Structures are given as C-alpha cells and as structure tokens.
Amino acid sequence: MTAPLQTEETPEKRGLGRYGFALIPLVIFAGFAAVAGKMLYDQDVNGRDVSAIPSALIGKHAPSLALPPLEGSQTPALTDAAIKGRLTLVNVFASWCVPCRQEHPLLKELAKDSRITIVGINYKDRNDNALRFLGELGNPYKAIGVDPNGKAAIDWGVYGIPESYLVAPDGTILYKRVGPFDERSVRQDLLPAIEKALTPKV
C-alpha cells in the first residue's frame, strides 16, 4: 500500500498562508465597523432610535408575573394582579447598573403621570443594595418583584438592563425599550406609545 503523495510547501505558499490568517481580524473588524456605521447613520441621519429594539413579544401577551417583594421596600410584590387592567411600564433595573441610575429621575417624573403605572423587576441584585438605591434616588414603582436568578428576565426576553416594556391593560406588550430612557426617547417614543394605547379604537 502506497502512502499518499506529499507536496512540498514552498516559502511562497507559507507566506501566503500567514498573510491570509493576518487578514481575518481585519475582515472581522471591517464587519463590525460597517454594522456600527449603519446604526450611527440610522440614528443621526434618519433619526431612528437604535435602542428601540424590536421584540418577538410585542403584540403578544406578557409573561406571567409572580415575583416576591423587595423586602423592606414597603412596596407590594410584582404579580399579574398588580398590573391587570392598567397601562403599565415594566422596568427591569438593578442597583449595580449605572444606566439605571441615569434614567431613574425620568422614571420618577413618569410616575407622576396618572395614565400609567410603573412597576419594577429587580434583576440579580442584593436586597440591601436595592433598598439603598431606592432610598437614595426615590421609588417610582407601585410594585417591585425580585428576580435573583434572572429567570423572569429570560421569560421577558431581556437583552440587558435597564430595559422597559409598555403593557396594555389587557396584558399585551405594546412597546419595548432596551437601554436607559432619556428625554428624547420619552418624548418621541414612550409618550406617543402611551397616547396611542389610550386612544379609543374606532
């Protein structure tokens, strides 16, 4: 039985192989740069909010809620009953989340709007840290449920926190926001979604 023939690798071939491997990181970087450039173009030129990521849950019934309360917060637990029949903003937050701290003053302002109820899912947080967070910044939530292992966040399709969902009185998810709210996103995205939800269907 004869062994397969082996071709001799020339220095030129070895050089081309190394050159090809060297190009791989550049190609990957170029791909990322193209995606980032498209996102920035959409945001700056077309005015598109790239944080308003579409969700497979929009238009569907919200996942069931049966989360225990944040002990010591004097705030009810987050259950289906807490949001039933109300236009509700479900906000996923944590004390260790810097963007959560940035958006919190806006949530406090939104909590003054009698048209909506704001509730919170406290994600993978320590109880004492969450209490300190709310004690320092204020508590805009009508109900808070703790999600220590992130199971509820998985059910809701959370990408990263903060993340918020506008839920209709009948439990349908109407709108999703990935990342912190700012004045622009509240004015251009959330408030119109609230008004649309409250407009009687003809």
C-alpha atoms as a PDB file:
ATOM      1  CA  MET A   1       0.000   0.000   0.000  1.00  0.00           C
ATOM      2  CA  THR A   2       1.443   3.268  -1.016  1.00  0.00           C
ATOM      3  CA  ALA A   3       1.301   6.392   1.104  1.00  0.00           C
ATOM      4  CA  PRO A   4      -0.329   9.493  -0.341  1.00  0.00           C
ATOM      5  CA  LEU A   5       1.979  11.850  -2.096  1.00  0.00           C
ATOM      6  CA  GLN A   6       3.052  14.848  -0.096  1.00  0.00           C
ATOM      7  CA  THR A   7       3.568  18.115  -1.850  1.00  0.00           C
ATOM      8  CA  GLU A   8       6.455  20.225  -0.750  1.00  0.00           C
ATOM      9  CA  GLU A   9       5.407  23.501   0.866  1.00  0.00           C
ATOM     10  CA  THR A  10       7.379  26.334  -0.631  1.00  0.00           C
ATOM     11  CA  PRO A  11       8.297  29.515   1.264  1.00  0.00           C
ATOM     12  CA  GLU A  12       5.976  31.413  -1.069  1.00  0.00           C
ATOM     13  CA  LYS A  13       2.992  29.222  -0.047  1.00  0.00           C
ATOM     14  CA  ARG A  14       3.824  29.577   3.631  1.00  0.00           C
ATOM     15  CA  GLY A  15       3.931  33.335   3.200  1.00  0.00           C
ATOM     16  CA  LEU A  16       0.530  33.406   1.522  1.00  0.00           C
ATOM     17  CA  GLY A  17      -0.947  31.299   4.341  1.00  0.00           C
ATOM     18  CA  ARG A  18       0.341  33.658   7.021  1.00  0.00           C
ATOM     19  CA  TYR A  19      -0.943  36.621   5.024  1.00  0.00           C
ATOM     20  CA  GLY A  20      -4.405  35.057   4.840  1.00  0.00           C
ATOM     21  CA  PHE A  21      -4.518  34.470   8.598  1.00  0.00           C
ATOM     22  CA  ALA A  22      -3.417  38.050   9.214  1.00  0.00           C
ATOM     23  CA  LEU A  23      -6.368  39.316   7.159  1.00  0.00           C
ATOM     24  CA  ILE A  24      -9.005  37.525   9.267  1.00  0.00           C
ATOM     25  CA  PRO A  25      -9.035  40.054  12.172  1.00  0.00           C
ATOM     26  CA  LEU A  26      -9.179  42.915   9.662  1.00  0.00           C
ATOM     27  CA  VAL A  27     -12.183  41.390   7.912  1.00  0.00           C
ATOM     28  CA  ILE A  28     -13.979  40.850  11.237  1.00  0.00           C
ATOM     29  CA  PHE A  29     -13.210  44.427  12.326  1.00  0.00           C
ATOM     30  CA  ALA A  30     -14.475  45.769   8.999  1.00  0.00           C
ATOM     31  CA  GLY A  31     -17.728  43.876   9.512  1.00  0.00           C
ATOM     32  CA  PHE A  32     -18.254  45.323  12.978  1.00  0.00           C
ATOM     33  CA  ALA A  33     -17.367  48.803  11.721  1.00  0.00           C
ATOM     34  CA  ALA A  34     -19.915  48.512   8.917  1.00  0.00           C
ATOM     35  CA  VAL A  35     -22.682  47.497  11.343  1.00  0.00           C
ATOM     36  CA  ALA A  36     -21.779  50.273  13.788  1.00  0.00           C
ATOM     37  CA  GLY A  37     -21.635  52.800  10.978  1.00  0.00           C
ATOM     38  CA  LYS A  38     -25.084  51.776   9.763  1.00  0.00           C
ATOM     39  CA  MET A  39     -26.504  52.131  13.276  1.00  0.00           C
ATOM     40  CA  LEU A  40     -24.970  55.593  13.693  1.00  0.00           C
ATOM     41  CA  TYR A  41     -26.228  56.628  10.260  1.00  0.00           C
ATOM     42  CA  ASP A  42     -29.748  55.475  11.101  1.00  0.00           C
ATOM     43  CA  GLN A  43     -29.631  57.306  14.405  1.00  0.00           C
ATOM     44  CA  ASP A  44     -28.073  60.588  13.269  1.00  0.00           C
ATOM     45  CA  VAL A  45     -29.362  60.940   9.709  1.00  0.00           C
ATOM     46  CA  ASN A  46     -32.644  59.060   9.713  1.00  0.00           C
ATOM     47  CA  GLY A  47     -33.498  59.863  13.332  1.00  0.00           C
ATOM     48  CA  ARG A  48     -34.002  56.188  14.109  1.00  0.00           C
ATOM     49  CA  ASP A  49     -33.731  55.168  17.772  1.00  0.00           C
ATOM     50  CA  VAL A  50     -31.495  52.100  17.675  1.00  0.00           C
ATOM     51  CA  SER A  51     -32.314  51.362  21.328  1.00  0.00           C
ATOM     52  CA  ALA A  52     -35.938  50.611  20.459  1.00  0.00           C
ATOM     53  CA  ILE A  53     -35.069  47.029  19.527  1.00  0.00           C
ATOM     54  CA  PRO A  54     -37.964  45.020  18.122  1.00  0.00           C
ATOM     55  CA  SER A  55     -39.145  42.202  20.369  1.00  0.00           C
ATOM     56  CA  ALA A  56     -40.806  38.928  19.454  1.00  0.00           C
ATOM     57  CA  LEU A  57     -43.146  39.591  22.388  1.00  0.00           C
ATOM     58  CA  ILE A  58     -44.592  42.845  21.038  1.00  0.00           C
ATOM     59  CA  GLY A  59     -48.236  42.275  20.219  1.00  0.00           C
ATOM     60  CA  LYS A  60     -48.306  39.169  22.408  1.00  0.00           C
ATOM     61  CA  HIS A  61     -49.480  38.627  25.959  1.00  0.00           C
ATOM     62  CA  ALA A  62     -46.909  39.490  28.610  1.00  0.00           C
ATOM     63  CA  PRO A  63     -45.283  36.612  30.507  1.00  0.00           C
ATOM     64  CA  SER A  64     -46.902  35.803  33.821  1.00  0.00           C
ATOM     65  CA  LEU A  65     -45.577  37.641  36.872  1.00  0.00           C
ATOM     66  CA  ALA A  66     -45.340  36.028  40.296  1.00  0.00           C
ATOM     67  CA  LEU A  67     -42.245  37.582  41.861  1.00  0.00           C
ATOM     68  CA  PRO A  68     -41.636  38.010  45.599  1.00  0.00           C
ATOM     69  CA  PRO A  69     -41.458  41.550  47.019  1.00  0.00           C
ATOM     70  CA  LEU A  70     -38.320  43.515  47.755  1.00  0.00           C
ATOM     71  CA  GLU A  71     -38.225  43.072  51.496  1.00  0.00           C
ATOM     72  CA  GLY A  72     -38.031  46.344  53.380  1.00  0.00           C
ATOM     73  CA  SER A  73     -39.233  48.496  50.497  1.00  0.00           C
ATOM     74  CA  GLN A  74     -42.830  48.728  51.739  1.00  0.00           C
ATOM     75  CA  THR A  75     -43.831  48.070  48.116  1.00  0.00           C
ATOM     76  CA  PRO A  76     -46.146  45.234  47.027  1.00  0.00           C
ATOM     77  CA  ALA A  77     -44.842  42.176  45.206  1.00  0.00           C
ATOM     78  CA  LEU A  78     -44.970  42.136  41.422  1.00  0.00           C
ATOM     79  CA  THR A  79     -47.725  39.781  40.323  1.00  0.00           C
ATOM     80  CA  ASP A  80     -50.202  39.614  37.464  1.00  0.00           C
ATOM     81  CA  ALA A  81     -52.787  41.203  39.748  1.00  0.00           C
ATOM     82  CA  ALA A  82     -50.546  44.249  40.262  1.00  0.00           C
ATOM     83  CA  ILE A  83     -50.746  45.231  36.588  1.00  0.00           C
ATOM     84  CA  LYS A  84     -54.067  43.745  35.499  1.00  0.00           C
ATOM     85  CA  GLY A  85     -56.389  46.290  33.917  1.00  0.00           C
ATOM     86  CA  ARG A  86     -53.748  49.056  33.940  1.00  0.00           C
ATOM     87  CA  LEU A  87     -51.479  50.574  31.330  1.00  0.00           C
ATOM     88  CA  THR A  88     -48.156  49.597  32.879  1.00  0.00           C
ATOM     89  CA  LEU A  89     -44.477  50.279  32.311  1.00  0.00           C
ATOM     90  CA  VAL A  90     -42.451  47.269  33.468  1.00  0.00           C
ATOM     91  CA  ASN A  91     -38.873  48.409  34.174  1.00  0.00           C
ATOM     92  CA  VAL A  92     -36.001  45.952  34.733  1.00  0.00           C
ATOM     93  CA  PHE A  93     -33.357  47.510  36.986  1.00  0.00           C
ATOM     94  CA  ALA A  94     -30.539  46.835  39.465  1.00  0.00           C
ATOM     95  CA  SER A  95     -28.527  48.901  41.909  1.00  0.00           C
ATOM     96  CA  TRP A  96     -25.239  47.909  40.198  1.00  0.00           C
ATOM     97  CA  CYS A  97     -26.488  49.149  36.810  1.00  0.00           C
ATOM     98  CA  VAL A  98     -25.037  52.591  36.035  1.00  0.00           C
ATOM     99  CA  PRO A  99     -27.513  53.382  33.200  1.00  0.00           C
ATOM    100  CA  CYS A 100     -30.364  52.502  35.593  1.00  0.00           C
ATOM    101  CA  ARG A 101     -29.165  55.311  37.828  1.00  0.00           C
ATOM    102  CA  GLN A 102     -29.060  57.671  34.833  1.00  0.00           C
ATOM    103  CA  GLU A 103     -32.667  57.033  33.798  1.00  0.00           C
ATOM    104  CA  HIS A 104     -34.125  56.930  37.323  1.00  0.00           C
ATOM    105  CA  PRO A 105     -35.028  60.654  37.553  1.00  0.00           C
ATOM    106  CA  LEU A 106     -37.096  60.256  34.380  1.00  0.00           C
ATOM    107  CA  LEU A 107     -38.930  57.286  35.890  1.00  0.00           C
ATOM    108  CA  LYS A 108     -39.738  59.400  38.928  1.00  0.00           C
ATOM    109  CA  GLU A 109     -41.230  62.066  36.650  1.00  0.00           C
ATOM    110  CA  LEU A 110     -43.171  59.462  34.688  1.00  0.00           C
ATOM    111  CA  ALA A 111     -44.565  58.093  37.947  1.00  0.00           C
ATOM    112  CA  LYS A 112     -46.468  61.383  38.327  1.00  0.00           C
ATOM    113  CA  ASP A 113     -48.416  60.601  35.140  1.00  0.00           C
ATOM    114  CA  SER A 114     -51.714  59.132  36.321  1.00  0.00           C
ATOM    115  CA  ARG A 115     -52.246  57.407  32.969  1.00  0.00           C
ATOM    116  CA  ILE A 116     -49.631  54.737  33.642  1.00  0.00           C
ATOM    117  CA  THR A 117     -48.397  52.520  36.464  1.00  0.00           C
ATOM    118  CA  ILE A 118     -44.669  51.848  36.797  1.00  0.00           C
ATOM    119  CA  VAL A 119     -43.502  48.548  38.272  1.00  0.00           C
ATOM    120  CA  GLY A 120     -40.011  47.143  38.651  1.00  0.00           C
ATOM    121  CA  ILE A 121     -38.214  43.830  38.241  1.00  0.00           C
ATOM    122  CA  ASN A 122     -35.110  43.954  40.430  1.00  0.00           C
ATOM    123  CA  TYR A 123     -32.598  41.881  38.460  1.00  0.00           C
ATOM    124  CA  LYS A 124     -29.833  39.795  40.086  1.00  0.00           C
ATOM    125  CA  ASP A 125     -29.396  42.285  42.903  1.00  0.00           C
ATOM    126  CA  ARG A 126     -28.728  42.203  46.634  1.00  0.00           C
ATOM    127  CA  ASN A 127     -31.672  43.219  48.768  1.00  0.00           C
ATOM    128  CA  ASP A 128     -29.729  45.760  50.832  1.00  0.00           C
ATOM    129  CA  ASN A 129     -28.164  47.334  47.746  1.00  0.00           C
ATOM    130  CA  ALA A 130     -31.543  47.653  46.031  1.00  0.00           C
ATOM    131  CA  LEU A 131     -33.018  49.305  49.133  1.00  0.00           C
ATOM    132  CA  ARG A 132     -30.087  51.722  49.285  1.00  0.00           C
ATOM    133  CA  PHE A 133     -30.546  52.534  45.586  1.00  0.00           C
ATOM    134  CA  LEU A 134     -34.227  53.373  46.054  1.00  0.00           C
ATOM    135  CA  GLY A 135     -33.566  55.194  49.318  1.00  0.00           C
ATOM    136  CA  GLU A 136     -31.056  57.446  47.613  1.00  0.00           C
ATOM    137  CA  LEU A 137     -32.884  58.067  44.316  1.00  0.00           C
ATOM    138  CA  GLY A 138     -36.528  57.573  45.257  1.00  0.00           C
ATOM    139  CA  ASN A 139     -39.037  54.836  44.481  1.00  0.00           C
ATOM    140  CA  PRO A 140     -41.176  55.333  41.347  1.00  0.00           C
ATOM    141  CA  TYR A 141     -42.546  51.772  41.454  1.00  0.00           C
ATOM    142  CA  LYS A 142     -46.062  50.757  42.503  1.00  0.00           C
ATOM    143  CA  ALA A 143     -44.852  47.148  42.807  1.00  0.00           C
ATOM    144  CA  ILE A 144     -41.419  45.502  42.799  1.00  0.00           C
ATOM    145  CA  GLY A 145     -40.556  41.878  42.201  1.00  0.00           C
ATOM    146  CA  VAL A 146     -37.108  40.441  42.854  1.00  0.00           C
ATOM    147  CA  ASP A 147     -35.539  38.237  40.188  1.00  0.00           C
ATOM    148  CA  PRO A 148     -32.376  36.899  41.865  1.00  0.00           C
ATOM    149  CA  ASN A 149     -31.524  34.267  39.251  1.00  0.00           C
ATOM    150  CA  GLY A 150     -32.744  36.140  36.163  1.00  0.00           C
ATOM    151  CA  LYS A 151     -35.485  33.659  35.262  1.00  0.00           C
ATOM    152  CA  ALA A 152     -38.166  36.319  34.860  1.00  0.00           C
ATOM    153  CA  ALA A 153     -35.816  38.393  32.710  1.00  0.00           C
ATOM    154  CA  ILE A 154     -35.321  35.400  30.408  1.00  0.00           C
ATOM    155  CA  ASP A 155     -39.092  34.965  30.125  1.00  0.00           C
ATOM    156  CA  TRP A 156     -39.409  38.618  29.107  1.00  0.00           C
ATOM    157  CA  GLY A 157     -36.585  38.368  26.560  1.00  0.00           C
ATOM    158  CA  VAL A 158     -34.338  40.868  28.296  1.00  0.00           C
ATOM    159  CA  TYR A 159     -31.164  41.776  26.353  1.00  0.00           C
ATOM    160  CA  GLY A 160     -29.576  43.884  29.081  1.00  0.00           C
ATOM    161  CA  ILE A 161     -30.624  46.336  31.722  1.00  0.00           C
ATOM    162  CA  PRO A 162     -32.203  48.752  32.086  1.00  0.00           C
ATOM    163  CA  GLU A 163     -34.990  47.547  29.873  1.00  0.00           C
ATOM    164  CA  SER A 164     -38.641  48.583  29.824  1.00  0.00           C
ATOM    165  CA  TYR A 165     -41.910  47.256  28.429  1.00  0.00           C
ATOM    166  CA  LEU A 166     -45.195  49.091  27.994  1.00  0.00           C
ATOM    167  CA  VAL A 167     -48.021  46.650  28.722  1.00  0.00           C
ATOM    168  CA  ALA A 168     -51.655  47.327  27.813  1.00  0.00           C
ATOM    169  CA  PRO A 169     -54.458  46.867  30.368  1.00  0.00           C
ATOM    170  CA  ASP A 170     -55.324  43.552  28.694  1.00  0.00           C
ATOM    171  CA  GLY A 171     -51.734  42.313  29.138  1.00  0.00           C
ATOM    172  CA  THR A 172     -50.497  42.870  25.574  1.00  0.00           C
ATOM    173  CA  ILE A 173     -46.918  44.149  25.205  1.00  0.00           C
ATOM    174  CA  LEU A 174     -47.061  47.352  23.145  1.00  0.00           C
ATOM    175  CA  TYR A 175     -43.528  48.750  23.252  1.00  0.00           C
ATOM    176  CA  LYS A 176     -40.030  47.787  24.338  1.00  0.00           C
ATOM    177  CA  ARG A 177     -37.046  49.947  25.223  1.00  0.00           C
ATOM    178  CA  VAL A 178     -33.547  48.487  25.539  1.00  0.00           C
ATOM    179  CA  GLY A 179     -31.194  50.719  27.499  1.00  0.00           C
ATOM    180  CA  PRO A 180     -31.935  53.790  29.599  1.00  0.00           C
ATOM    181  CA  PHE A 181     -34.647  56.286  28.794  1.00  0.00           C
ATOM    182  CA  ASP A 182     -33.544  59.813  28.063  1.00  0.00           C
ATOM    183  CA  GLU A 183     -35.678  62.903  27.467  1.00  0.00           C
ATOM    184  CA  ARG A 184     -35.701  62.305  23.716  1.00  0.00           C
ATOM    185  CA  SER A 185     -36.811  58.675  23.890  1.00  0.00           C
ATOM    186  CA  VAL A 186     -39.527  59.526  26.408  1.00  0.00           C
ATOM    187  CA  ARG A 187     -40.807  62.379  24.252  1.00  0.00           C
ATOM    188  CA  GLN A 188     -40.531  60.699  20.853  1.00  0.00           C
ATOM    189  CA  ASP A 189     -41.202  57.041  21.671  1.00  0.00           C
ATOM    190  CA  LEU A 190     -42.765  56.319  25.044  1.00  0.00           C
ATOM    191  CA  LEU A 191     -45.290  59.152  25.329  1.00  0.00           C
ATOM    192  CA  PRO A 192     -46.658  58.580  21.799  1.00  0.00           C
ATOM    193  CA  ALA A 193     -46.960  54.861  22.631  1.00  0.00           C
ATOM    194  CA  ILE A 194     -48.899  55.752  25.792  1.00  0.00           C
ATOM    195  CA  GLU A 195     -51.208  58.122  23.901  1.00  0.00           C
ATOM    196  CA  LYS A 196     -51.788  55.529  21.188  1.00  0.00           C
ATOM    197  CA  ALA A 197     -52.627  52.889  23.791  1.00  0.00           C
ATOM    198  CA  LEU A 198     -55.185  55.194  25.399  1.00  0.00           C
ATOM    199  CA  THR A 199     -56.807  56.320  22.130  1.00  0.00           C
ATOM    200  CA  PRO A 200     -60.143  54.565  21.646  1.00  0.00           C
ATOM    201  CA  LYS A 201     -60.149  52.259  18.636  1.00  0.00           C
ATOM    202  CA  VAL A 202     -62.791  53.196  16.095  1.00  0.00           C
END
